[in-house]
Amino acid sequence: MKLSDYAKKTGISYRTAWRWWKQGNLTGYQLPSGTIIITDDNHSKPDLIACIYARVSSAEDKDNLDRQADRLKDYAVARGYKIYKVVKEVGSGLNDNRQQLAKILVDPNYNVLIVEHKERLARFGTNYLEILLKELDKKLEIVNESEDNQDELMSDLIAIITSFCSRIYGLRRSKRKIEKIIAELKDNGQSC
């Protein structure tokens, strides 16, 4: 079987399959034309090693952090993944300088990053993180994908309002302002 066909069959990138062949992890030979033929089918499915990332925005939600991590562990086990590491972090999804996330993005010891919701990874720019992970031969697996674009847009708008209110009005007063703005948005959305 050609190396490209092998990569498609096993669900890995061509680059990863080529690297495995170069390292001697796959048995095969190269034709004079340059085509690589794989003869060993023992590597039909590579081991999926998961890193679990759970995040909450504030220390008040720390109980939810443990429950979130437990749900993700159960999910990984049910999918047959080996769990390499469970990373729990407290910090805003708008913060682009989260140390735990930065460490696991470049960690070479796993090939699947599991998060509960897209927003747990980052409020914005998740697609860029997915591109980075793909380049590192890793897969991002989001357990609960939002299927409703309106819900996603509403949560993005709420995140932006929360961020600006926190900066303008201070953390204590922002909660009341946010609740008022959300109520107004919902009232306006229902009257349309």
N, C-alpha and C. Protein backbone atom coordinates (compact mmCIF):
# COMPACT_ATOMS: atom_id res chain seq x y z
N MET A 1 0.85 -1.16 0.00
CA MET A 1 0.00 0.00 0.00
C MET A 1 0.91 1.24 0.00
N LYS A 2 0.52 2.25 -0.79
CA LYS A 2 1.30 3.49 -0.85
C LYS A 2 1.24 4.20 0.50
N LEU A 3 2.30 4.94 0.79
CA LEU A 3 2.38 5.64 2.07
C LEU A 3 1.22 6.62 2.24
N SER A 4 0.84 7.29 1.17
CA SER A 4 -0.28 8.25 1.26
C SER A 4 -1.58 7.52 1.58
N ASP A 5 -1.80 6.35 1.00
CA ASP A 5 -3.00 5.56 1.30
C ASP A 5 -2.97 5.06 2.75
N TYR A 6 -1.79 4.66 3.20
CA TYR A 6 -1.63 4.21 4.58
C TYR A 6 -2.00 5.34 5.55
N ALA A 7 -1.52 6.55 5.26
CA ALA A 7 -1.80 7.70 6.13
C ALA A 7 -3.30 7.96 6.19
N LYS A 8 -3.97 7.92 5.04
CA LYS A 8 -5.42 8.15 5.02
C LYS A 8 -6.15 7.06 5.80
N LYS A 9 -5.75 5.82 5.60
CA LYS A 9 -6.40 4.68 6.24
C LYS A 9 -6.28 4.74 7.76
N THR A 10 -5.13 5.17 8.24
CA THR A 10 -4.92 5.20 9.69
C THR A 10 -5.32 6.52 10.33
N GLY A 11 -5.67 7.51 9.52
CA GLY A 11 -6.13 8.79 10.06
C GLY A 11 -5.02 9.69 10.55
N ILE A 12 -3.83 9.53 10.00
CA ILE A 12 -2.72 10.40 10.38
C ILE A 12 -2.32 11.23 9.17
N SER A 13 -1.53 12.26 9.40
CA SER A 13 -1.09 13.09 8.28
C SER A 13 0.00 12.35 7.50
N TYR A 14 0.15 12.71 6.24
CA TYR A 14 1.18 12.10 5.41
C TYR A 14 2.56 12.35 6.02
N ARG A 15 2.73 13.56 6.54
CA ARG A 15 4.03 13.93 7.13
C ARG A 15 4.40 13.02 8.30
N THR A 16 3.41 12.70 9.15
CA THR A 16 3.66 11.80 10.27
C THR A 16 4.01 10.41 9.77
N ALA A 17 3.28 9.91 8.79
CA ALA A 17 3.56 8.58 8.23
C ALA A 17 4.96 8.54 7.62
N TRP A 18 5.34 9.61 6.92
CA TRP A 18 6.67 9.67 6.31
C TRP A 18 7.75 9.65 7.39
N ARG A 19 7.51 10.42 8.46
CA ARG A 19 8.49 10.46 9.56
C ARG A 19 8.61 9.09 10.21
N TRP A 20 7.47 8.39 10.41
CA TRP A 20 7.51 7.04 10.98
C TRP A 20 8.31 6.10 10.08
N TRP A 21 8.12 6.22 8.76
CA TRP A 21 8.85 5.37 7.82
C TRP A 21 10.35 5.67 7.90
N LYS A 22 10.69 6.95 7.94
CA LYS A 22 12.11 7.35 8.02
C LYS A 22 12.75 6.85 9.31
N GLN A 23 11.99 6.83 10.42
CA GLN A 23 12.50 6.38 11.71
C GLN A 23 12.56 4.86 11.81
N GLY A 24 12.00 4.17 10.82
CA GLY A 24 12.01 2.71 10.83
C GLY A 24 10.83 2.10 11.57
N ASN A 25 9.84 2.90 11.91
CA ASN A 25 8.67 2.38 12.62
C ASN A 25 7.69 1.67 11.69
N LEU A 26 7.80 1.90 10.40
CA LEU A 26 6.97 1.23 9.40
C LEU A 26 7.86 0.42 8.47
N THR A 27 7.40 -0.79 8.12
CA THR A 27 8.15 -1.64 7.21
C THR A 27 7.68 -1.36 5.79
N GLY A 28 8.63 -1.15 4.90
CA GLY A 28 8.29 -0.88 3.51
C GLY A 28 9.54 -0.65 2.69
N TYR A 29 9.34 -0.20 1.47
CA TYR A 29 10.46 0.06 0.57
C TYR A 29 10.09 1.22 -0.35
N GLN A 30 11.12 1.77 -0.98
CA GLN A 30 10.90 2.91 -1.88
C GLN A 30 11.19 2.48 -3.31
N LEU A 31 10.24 2.75 -4.19
CA LEU A 31 10.41 2.45 -5.61
C LEU A 31 11.39 3.44 -6.24
N PRO A 32 11.99 3.10 -7.38
CA PRO A 32 12.89 4.04 -8.06
C PRO A 32 12.22 5.37 -8.39
N SER A 33 10.91 5.36 -8.53
CA SER A 33 10.19 6.60 -8.82
C SER A 33 10.06 7.49 -7.58
N GLY A 34 10.39 6.95 -6.39
CA GLY A 34 10.29 7.71 -5.15
C GLY A 34 9.09 7.34 -4.32
N THR A 35 8.16 6.58 -4.89
CA THR A 35 6.96 6.18 -4.15
C THR A 35 7.33 5.21 -3.04
N ILE A 36 6.78 5.44 -1.86
CA ILE A 36 7.05 4.57 -0.71
C ILE A 36 5.89 3.59 -0.57
N ILE A 37 6.23 2.31 -0.50
CA ILE A 37 5.24 1.24 -0.35
C ILE A 37 5.38 0.66 1.06
N ILE A 38 4.29 0.62 1.79
CA ILE A 38 4.27 0.07 3.15
C ILE A 38 3.81 -1.38 3.07
N THR A 39 4.60 -2.29 3.67
CA THR A 39 4.25 -3.71 3.63
C THR A 39 3.74 -4.21 4.97
N ASP A 40 4.01 -3.50 6.04
CA ASP A 40 3.60 -3.91 7.38
C ASP A 40 2.28 -3.25 7.73
N ASP A 41 1.30 -4.06 8.11
CA ASP A 41 -0.01 -3.51 8.48
C ASP A 41 -0.24 -3.60 9.99
N ASN A 42 0.85 -3.80 10.76
CA ASN A 42 0.71 -3.89 12.21
C ASN A 42 0.36 -2.56 12.85
N HIS A 43 0.65 -1.48 12.17
CA HIS A 43 0.38 -0.14 12.69
C HIS A 43 -0.94 0.38 12.15
N SER A 44 -1.97 -0.44 12.19
CA SER A 44 -3.23 -0.05 11.57
C SER A 44 -3.85 1.18 12.23
N LYS A 45 -3.64 1.35 13.52
CA LYS A 45 -4.19 2.53 14.20
C LYS A 45 -3.18 2.97 15.26
N PRO A 46 -2.67 4.18 15.15
CA PRO A 46 -1.71 4.63 16.15
C PRO A 46 -2.40 4.83 17.50
N ASP A 47 -1.62 4.71 18.58
CA ASP A 47 -2.18 4.96 19.91
C ASP A 47 -2.59 6.42 20.01
N LEU A 48 -3.77 6.64 20.54
CA LEU A 48 -4.24 8.00 20.75
C LEU A 48 -3.99 8.35 22.21
N ILE A 49 -3.11 9.31 22.41
CA ILE A 49 -2.71 9.73 23.75
C ILE A 49 -3.29 11.12 23.98
N ALA A 50 -4.10 11.23 25.01
CA ALA A 50 -4.86 12.46 25.23
C ALA A 50 -4.27 13.32 26.34
N CYS A 51 -4.33 14.61 26.11
CA CYS A 51 -4.08 15.61 27.13
C CYS A 51 -5.42 16.31 27.35
N ILE A 52 -5.85 16.37 28.59
CA ILE A 52 -7.14 16.96 28.92
C ILE A 52 -6.91 18.36 29.46
N TYR A 53 -7.65 19.32 28.91
CA TYR A 53 -7.53 20.71 29.36
C TYR A 53 -8.88 21.20 29.87
N ALA A 54 -8.91 21.52 31.16
CA ALA A 54 -10.13 22.05 31.79
C ALA A 54 -9.81 23.45 32.32
N ARG A 55 -10.75 24.38 32.11
CA ARG A 55 -10.52 25.76 32.55
C ARG A 55 -11.81 26.37 33.06
N VAL A 56 -11.70 27.17 34.11
CA VAL A 56 -12.80 28.01 34.57
C VAL A 56 -12.27 29.43 34.69
N SER A 57 -13.19 30.39 34.70
CA SER A 57 -12.79 31.80 34.68
C SER A 57 -12.35 32.34 36.03
N SER A 58 -12.92 31.84 37.11
CA SER A 58 -12.58 32.41 38.42
C SER A 58 -12.42 31.31 39.46
N ALA A 59 -11.77 31.67 40.56
CA ALA A 59 -11.53 30.72 41.64
C ALA A 59 -12.85 30.27 42.28
N GLU A 60 -13.89 31.08 42.16
CA GLU A 60 -15.20 30.71 42.70
C GLU A 60 -15.76 29.46 42.01
N ASP A 61 -15.33 29.20 40.79
CA ASP A 61 -15.82 28.06 40.01
C ASP A 61 -14.92 26.83 40.13
N LYS A 62 -14.06 26.80 41.15
CA LYS A 62 -13.08 25.72 41.25
C LYS A 62 -13.73 24.33 41.36
N ASP A 63 -14.89 24.25 42.01
CA ASP A 63 -15.60 22.95 42.09
C ASP A 63 -15.99 22.48 40.70
N ASN A 64 -16.43 23.40 39.88
CA ASN A 64 -16.80 23.08 38.50
C ASN A 64 -15.58 22.60 37.71
N LEU A 65 -14.41 23.12 38.05
CA LEU A 65 -13.17 22.73 37.37
C LEU A 65 -12.91 21.23 37.55
N ASP A 66 -13.06 20.75 38.79
CA ASP A 66 -12.85 19.32 39.05
C ASP A 66 -13.89 18.46 38.34
N ARG A 67 -15.14 18.89 38.37
CA ARG A 67 -16.20 18.13 37.68
C ARG A 67 -15.96 18.10 36.17
N GLN A 68 -15.53 19.23 35.62
CA GLN A 68 -15.23 19.32 34.19
C GLN A 68 -14.11 18.34 33.82
N ALA A 69 -13.05 18.32 34.64
CA ALA A 69 -11.93 17.41 34.39
C ALA A 69 -12.38 15.96 34.47
N ASP A 70 -13.23 15.64 35.44
CA ASP A 70 -13.73 14.27 35.58
C ASP A 70 -14.57 13.85 34.37
N ARG A 71 -15.42 14.76 33.89
CA ARG A 71 -16.23 14.44 32.70
C ARG A 71 -15.32 14.18 31.49
N LEU A 72 -14.28 14.98 31.35
CA LEU A 72 -13.37 14.81 30.21
C LEU A 72 -12.57 13.52 30.33
N LYS A 73 -12.19 13.14 31.55
CA LYS A 73 -11.49 11.86 31.75
C LYS A 73 -12.40 10.70 31.36
N ASP A 74 -13.66 10.76 31.80
CA ASP A 74 -14.62 9.70 31.44
C ASP A 74 -14.78 9.61 29.92
N TYR A 75 -14.85 10.76 29.27
CA TYR A 75 -14.98 10.81 27.81
C TYR A 75 -13.77 10.15 27.14
N ALA A 76 -12.57 10.50 27.61
CA ALA A 76 -11.34 9.96 27.02
C ALA A 76 -11.27 8.45 27.19
N VAL A 77 -11.62 7.97 28.36
CA VAL A 77 -11.61 6.52 28.61
C VAL A 77 -12.62 5.82 27.72
N ALA A 78 -13.81 6.40 27.59
CA ALA A 78 -14.85 5.80 26.74
C ALA A 78 -14.41 5.73 25.28
N ARG A 79 -13.61 6.69 24.83
CA ARG A 79 -13.11 6.70 23.45
C ARG A 79 -11.88 5.81 23.26
N GLY A 80 -11.37 5.25 24.34
CA GLY A 80 -10.21 4.37 24.24
C GLY A 80 -8.88 5.11 24.22
N TYR A 81 -8.85 6.36 24.64
CA TYR A 81 -7.61 7.13 24.66
C TYR A 81 -6.81 6.82 25.92
N LYS A 82 -5.50 6.88 25.79
CA LYS A 82 -4.64 6.82 26.96
C LYS A 82 -4.50 8.26 27.45
N ILE A 83 -4.70 8.47 28.74
CA ILE A 83 -4.62 9.83 29.29
C ILE A 83 -3.19 10.11 29.72
N TYR A 84 -2.58 11.08 29.08
CA TYR A 84 -1.21 11.47 29.39
C TYR A 84 -1.18 12.46 30.55
N LYS A 85 -2.04 13.47 30.49
CA LYS A 85 -2.01 14.53 31.48
C LYS A 85 -3.37 15.21 31.57
N VAL A 86 -3.72 15.63 32.78
CA VAL A 86 -4.92 16.43 33.00
C VAL A 86 -4.46 17.79 33.50
N VAL A 87 -4.77 18.83 32.73
CA VAL A 87 -4.35 20.19 33.08
C VAL A 87 -5.58 20.98 33.47
N LYS A 88 -5.53 21.56 34.68
CA LYS A 88 -6.63 22.40 35.18
C LYS A 88 -6.09 23.81 35.33
N GLU A 89 -6.87 24.77 34.83
CA GLU A 89 -6.40 26.15 34.89
C GLU A 89 -7.54 27.09 35.26
N VAL A 90 -7.22 28.09 36.08
CA VAL A 90 -8.17 29.13 36.44
C VAL A 90 -7.69 30.41 35.76
N GLY A 91 -8.52 30.94 34.86
CA GLY A 91 -8.15 32.15 34.15
C GLY A 91 -9.17 32.46 33.07
N SER A 92 -9.19 33.69 32.65
CA SER A 92 -10.14 34.13 31.64
C SER A 92 -9.82 33.53 30.28
N GLY A 93 -10.87 33.19 29.55
CA GLY A 93 -10.70 32.71 28.18
C GLY A 93 -10.22 33.80 27.25
N LEU A 94 -10.35 35.05 27.68
CA LEU A 94 -9.86 36.18 26.88
C LEU A 94 -8.38 36.43 27.11
N ASN A 95 -7.84 35.87 28.20
CA ASN A 95 -6.42 36.04 28.52
C ASN A 95 -5.59 35.20 27.55
N ASP A 96 -4.73 35.85 26.79
CA ASP A 96 -3.91 35.11 25.82
C ASP A 96 -2.53 34.77 26.39
N ASN A 97 -2.39 34.85 27.70
CA ASN A 97 -1.11 34.53 28.34
C ASN A 97 -1.33 33.54 29.49
N ARG A 98 -1.99 32.42 29.18
CA ARG A 98 -2.21 31.39 30.19
C ARG A 98 -1.06 30.39 30.14
N GLN A 99 -0.33 30.29 31.26
CA GLN A 99 0.90 29.50 31.30
C GLN A 99 0.66 28.01 31.07
N GLN A 100 -0.37 27.46 31.70
CA GLN A 100 -0.63 26.03 31.55
C GLN A 100 -0.97 25.67 30.11
N LEU A 101 -1.78 26.50 29.48
CA LEU A 101 -2.14 26.25 28.08
C LEU A 101 -0.90 26.34 27.19
N ALA A 102 -0.07 27.34 27.42
CA ALA A 102 1.15 27.50 26.61
C ALA A 102 2.05 26.27 26.73
N LYS A 103 2.15 25.71 27.93
CA LYS A 103 3.00 24.53 28.13
C LYS A 103 2.48 23.31 27.36
N ILE A 104 1.16 23.09 27.44
CA ILE A 104 0.65 21.87 26.79
C ILE A 104 0.60 22.00 25.27
N LEU A 105 0.50 23.21 24.76
CA LEU A 105 0.47 23.36 23.30
C LEU A 105 1.75 22.84 22.66
N VAL A 106 2.88 23.01 23.33
CA VAL A 106 4.16 22.58 22.75
C VAL A 106 4.66 21.25 23.31
N ASP A 107 3.91 20.65 24.21
CA ASP A 107 4.30 19.36 24.78
C ASP A 107 4.19 18.27 23.71
N PRO A 108 5.28 17.53 23.44
CA PRO A 108 5.25 16.53 22.36
C PRO A 108 4.70 15.17 22.77
N ASN A 109 4.28 14.99 24.01
CA ASN A 109 3.95 13.66 24.53
C ASN A 109 2.50 13.24 24.38
N TYR A 110 1.71 13.93 23.60
CA TYR A 110 0.32 13.54 23.36
C TYR A 110 -0.03 13.89 21.92
N ASN A 111 -1.16 13.33 21.43
CA ASN A 111 -1.57 13.65 20.06
C ASN A 111 -3.03 14.05 19.94
N VAL A 112 -3.77 14.09 21.07
CA VAL A 112 -5.15 14.57 21.07
C VAL A 112 -5.33 15.50 22.27
N LEU A 113 -5.78 16.72 22.01
CA LEU A 113 -6.10 17.67 23.08
C LEU A 113 -7.62 17.70 23.21
N ILE A 114 -8.11 17.39 24.41
CA ILE A 114 -9.56 17.31 24.64
C ILE A 114 -10.00 18.47 25.53
N VAL A 115 -11.01 19.20 25.06
CA VAL A 115 -11.63 20.27 25.86
C VAL A 115 -13.14 20.07 25.82
N GLU A 116 -13.82 20.58 26.84
CA GLU A 116 -15.27 20.38 26.91
C GLU A 116 -16.02 21.26 25.91
N HIS A 117 -15.71 22.53 25.90
CA HIS A 117 -16.31 23.48 24.97
C HIS A 117 -15.19 24.28 24.32
N LYS A 118 -15.46 24.80 23.15
CA LYS A 118 -14.47 25.62 22.44
C LYS A 118 -14.03 26.80 23.31
N GLU A 119 -14.96 27.38 24.07
CA GLU A 119 -14.67 28.54 24.90
C GLU A 119 -13.76 28.19 26.07
N ARG A 120 -13.67 26.92 26.44
CA ARG A 120 -12.76 26.52 27.52
C ARG A 120 -11.31 26.66 27.06
N LEU A 121 -11.08 26.50 25.77
CA LEU A 121 -9.73 26.66 25.23
C LEU A 121 -9.41 28.15 25.07
N ALA A 122 -10.29 28.87 24.39
CA ALA A 122 -10.11 30.32 24.19
C ALA A 122 -11.44 30.91 23.73
N ARG A 123 -11.70 32.12 24.14
CA ARG A 123 -12.93 32.79 23.69
C ARG A 123 -12.86 33.11 22.21
N PHE A 124 -11.69 33.54 21.76
CA PHE A 124 -11.49 33.89 20.35
C PHE A 124 -10.19 33.25 19.88
N GLY A 125 -10.10 32.98 18.59
CA GLY A 125 -8.86 32.46 18.02
C GLY A 125 -8.67 30.97 18.14
N THR A 126 -9.73 30.24 18.44
CA THR A 126 -9.61 28.79 18.56
C THR A 126 -9.16 28.16 17.24
N ASN A 127 -9.58 28.74 16.13
CA ASN A 127 -9.18 28.20 14.82
C ASN A 127 -7.67 28.28 14.63
N TYR A 128 -7.05 29.35 15.14
CA TYR A 128 -5.59 29.46 15.04
C TYR A 128 -4.90 28.38 15.87
N LEU A 129 -5.45 28.13 17.05
CA LEU A 129 -4.88 27.08 17.90
C LEU A 129 -5.03 25.71 17.24
N GLU A 130 -6.16 25.51 16.56
CA GLU A 130 -6.38 24.25 15.86
C GLU A 130 -5.37 24.07 14.72
N ILE A 131 -5.07 25.15 14.00
CA ILE A 131 -4.06 25.10 12.93
C ILE A 131 -2.69 24.77 13.51
N LEU A 132 -2.34 25.41 14.63
CA LEU A 132 -1.07 25.14 15.29
C LEU A 132 -0.97 23.67 15.69
N LEU A 133 -2.02 23.16 16.32
CA LEU A 133 -2.01 21.76 16.76
C LEU A 133 -1.89 20.81 15.57
N LYS A 134 -2.56 21.13 14.48
CA LYS A 134 -2.48 20.28 13.28
C LYS A 134 -1.05 20.25 12.75
N GLU A 135 -0.38 21.39 12.75
CA GLU A 135 1.02 21.45 12.31
C GLU A 135 1.93 20.63 13.22
N LEU A 136 1.53 20.48 14.47
CA LEU A 136 2.30 19.69 15.43
C LEU A 136 1.84 18.24 15.46
N ASP A 137 1.04 17.84 14.45
CA ASP A 137 0.49 16.48 14.36
C ASP A 137 -0.37 16.12 15.56
N LYS A 138 -1.15 17.09 16.02
CA LYS A 138 -2.07 16.87 17.13
C LYS A 138 -3.48 17.21 16.66
N LYS A 139 -4.44 16.63 17.34
CA LYS A 139 -5.84 16.85 16.99
C LYS A 139 -6.54 17.53 18.17
N LEU A 140 -7.37 18.52 17.87
CA LEU A 140 -8.19 19.15 18.90
C LEU A 140 -9.56 18.49 18.88
N GLU A 141 -9.98 17.99 20.03
CA GLU A 141 -11.28 17.35 20.12
C GLU A 141 -12.14 18.13 21.11
N ILE A 142 -13.22 18.71 20.59
CA ILE A 142 -14.14 19.49 21.41
C ILE A 142 -15.35 18.61 21.69
N VAL A 143 -15.59 18.32 22.95
CA VAL A 143 -16.62 17.36 23.34
C VAL A 143 -18.02 17.88 23.04
N ASN A 144 -18.31 19.10 23.44
CA ASN A 144 -19.65 19.68 23.25
C ASN A 144 -19.58 20.84 22.28
N GLU A 145 -19.66 20.55 21.00
CA GLU A 145 -19.63 21.60 19.98
C GLU A 145 -20.99 22.27 19.93
N SER A 146 -21.00 23.58 19.82
CA SER A 146 -22.24 24.33 19.69
C SER A 146 -22.72 24.22 18.24
N GLU A 147 -23.96 23.77 18.08
CA GLU A 147 -24.50 23.64 16.73
C GLU A 147 -25.28 24.87 16.30
N ASP A 148 -25.63 25.71 17.24
CA ASP A 148 -26.45 26.87 16.95
C ASP A 148 -25.57 28.11 16.86
N ASN A 149 -25.47 28.70 15.68
CA ASN A 149 -24.63 29.88 15.48
C ASN A 149 -25.10 31.06 16.31
N GLN A 150 -26.42 31.17 16.52
CA GLN A 150 -26.93 32.29 17.30
C GLN A 150 -26.44 32.19 18.75
N ASP A 151 -26.41 30.97 19.31
CA ASP A 151 -25.89 30.79 20.66
C ASP A 151 -24.41 31.17 20.72
N GLU A 152 -23.67 30.78 19.69
CA GLU A 152 -22.25 31.09 19.65
C GLU A 152 -22.02 32.60 19.55
N LEU A 153 -22.78 33.27 18.70
CA LEU A 153 -22.65 34.72 18.57
C LEU A 153 -23.03 35.42 19.87
N MET A 154 -24.08 34.93 20.52
CA MET A 154 -24.52 35.53 21.78
C MET A 154 -23.44 35.36 22.85
N SER A 155 -22.83 34.18 22.92
CA SER A 155 -21.79 33.96 23.92
C SER A 155 -20.56 34.81 23.62
N ASP A 156 -20.23 35.02 22.34
CA ASP A 156 -19.12 35.90 21.98
C ASP A 156 -19.41 37.34 22.40
N LEU A 157 -20.63 37.78 22.15
CA LEU A 157 -21.02 39.14 22.52
C LEU A 157 -20.96 39.31 24.04
N ILE A 158 -21.44 38.32 24.77
CA ILE A 158 -21.39 38.37 26.23
C ILE A 158 -19.95 38.42 26.71
N ALA A 159 -19.06 37.66 26.08
CA ALA A 159 -17.65 37.67 26.46
C ALA A 159 -17.03 39.05 26.26
N ILE A 160 -17.35 39.69 25.14
CA ILE A 160 -16.82 41.02 24.86
C ILE A 160 -17.35 42.03 25.88
N ILE A 161 -18.64 41.98 26.14
CA ILE A 161 -19.25 42.90 27.11
C ILE A 161 -18.64 42.68 28.49
N THR A 162 -18.47 41.42 28.89
CA THR A 162 -17.87 41.11 30.18
C THR A 162 -16.47 41.71 30.29
N SER A 163 -15.68 41.53 29.25
CA SER A 163 -14.32 42.04 29.25
C SER A 163 -14.28 43.56 29.41
N PHE A 164 -15.07 44.25 28.61
CA PHE A 164 -15.05 45.71 28.67
C PHE A 164 -15.66 46.24 29.97
N CYS A 165 -16.71 45.60 30.44
CA CYS A 165 -17.31 46.04 31.71
C CYS A 165 -16.32 45.84 32.86
N SER A 166 -15.59 44.75 32.84
CA SER A 166 -14.60 44.50 33.89
C SER A 166 -13.55 45.59 33.90
N ARG A 167 -13.13 46.02 32.74
CA ARG A 167 -12.11 47.06 32.67
C ARG A 167 -12.66 48.42 33.05
N ILE A 168 -13.85 48.73 32.59
CA ILE A 168 -14.41 50.07 32.80
C ILE A 168 -14.95 50.24 34.22
N TYR A 169 -15.75 49.32 34.69
CA TYR A 169 -16.47 49.50 35.94
C TYR A 169 -15.86 48.78 37.14
N GLY A 170 -14.81 48.04 36.94
CA GLY A 170 -14.24 47.28 38.04
C GLY A 170 -14.95 45.96 38.18
N LEU A 171 -14.29 45.03 38.81
CA LEU A 171 -14.81 43.66 38.88
C LEU A 171 -16.11 43.55 39.67
N ARG A 172 -16.26 44.28 40.78
CA ARG A 172 -17.46 44.12 41.60
C ARG A 172 -18.71 44.68 40.93
N ARG A 173 -18.58 45.83 40.30
CA ARG A 173 -19.74 46.45 39.69
C ARG A 173 -20.08 45.83 38.33
N SER A 174 -19.10 45.17 37.71
CA SER A 174 -19.34 44.65 36.36
C SER A 174 -20.42 43.58 36.33
N LYS A 175 -20.53 42.80 37.39
CA LYS A 175 -21.53 41.73 37.39
C LYS A 175 -22.94 42.31 37.25
N ARG A 176 -23.25 43.37 38.01
CA ARG A 176 -24.58 43.99 37.91
C ARG A 176 -24.80 44.59 36.53
N LYS A 177 -23.79 45.26 35.98
CA LYS A 177 -23.91 45.87 34.65
C LYS A 177 -24.13 44.80 33.59
N ILE A 178 -23.39 43.71 33.70
CA ILE A 178 -23.50 42.62 32.72
C ILE A 178 -24.91 42.03 32.75
N GLU A 179 -25.41 41.77 33.96
CA GLU A 179 -26.75 41.21 34.07
C GLU A 179 -27.79 42.13 33.44
N LYS A 180 -27.63 43.44 33.64
CA LYS A 180 -28.55 44.42 33.07
C LYS A 180 -28.47 44.41 31.54
N ILE A 181 -27.24 44.39 31.00
CA ILE A 181 -27.05 44.40 29.55
C ILE A 181 -27.60 43.12 28.92
N ILE A 182 -27.35 41.98 29.57
CA ILE A 182 -27.84 40.70 29.04
C ILE A 182 -29.37 40.69 29.03
N ALA A 183 -29.98 41.21 30.10
CA ALA A 183 -31.44 41.27 30.16
C ALA A 183 -31.98 42.15 29.03
N GLU A 184 -31.32 43.29 28.78
CA GLU A 184 -31.74 44.18 27.70
C GLU A 184 -31.58 43.51 26.34
N LEU A 185 -30.47 42.79 26.16
CA LEU A 185 -30.24 42.09 24.89
C LEU A 185 -31.30 41.03 24.65
N LYS A 186 -31.63 40.30 25.70
CA LYS A 186 -32.65 39.26 25.57
C LYS A 186 -34.01 39.86 25.27
N ASP A 187 -34.33 40.99 25.93
CA ASP A 187 -35.60 41.66 25.67
C ASP A 187 -35.66 42.15 24.23
N ASN A 188 -34.58 42.72 23.74
CA ASN A 188 -34.53 43.21 22.35
C ASN A 188 -34.59 42.06 21.36
N GLY A 189 -33.97 40.93 21.70
CA GLY A 189 -33.98 39.77 20.80
C GLY A 189 -35.35 39.14 20.69
N GLN A 190 -36.14 39.19 21.76
CA GLN A 190 -37.47 38.59 21.74
C GLN A 190 -38.48 39.47 21.03
N SER A 191 -38.24 40.78 21.03
CA SER A 191 -39.22 41.67 20.41
C SER A 191 -39.06 41.78 18.90
N CYS A 192 -37.97 41.20 18.35
CA CYS A 192 -37.74 41.28 16.90
C CYS A 192 -38.67 40.38 16.14
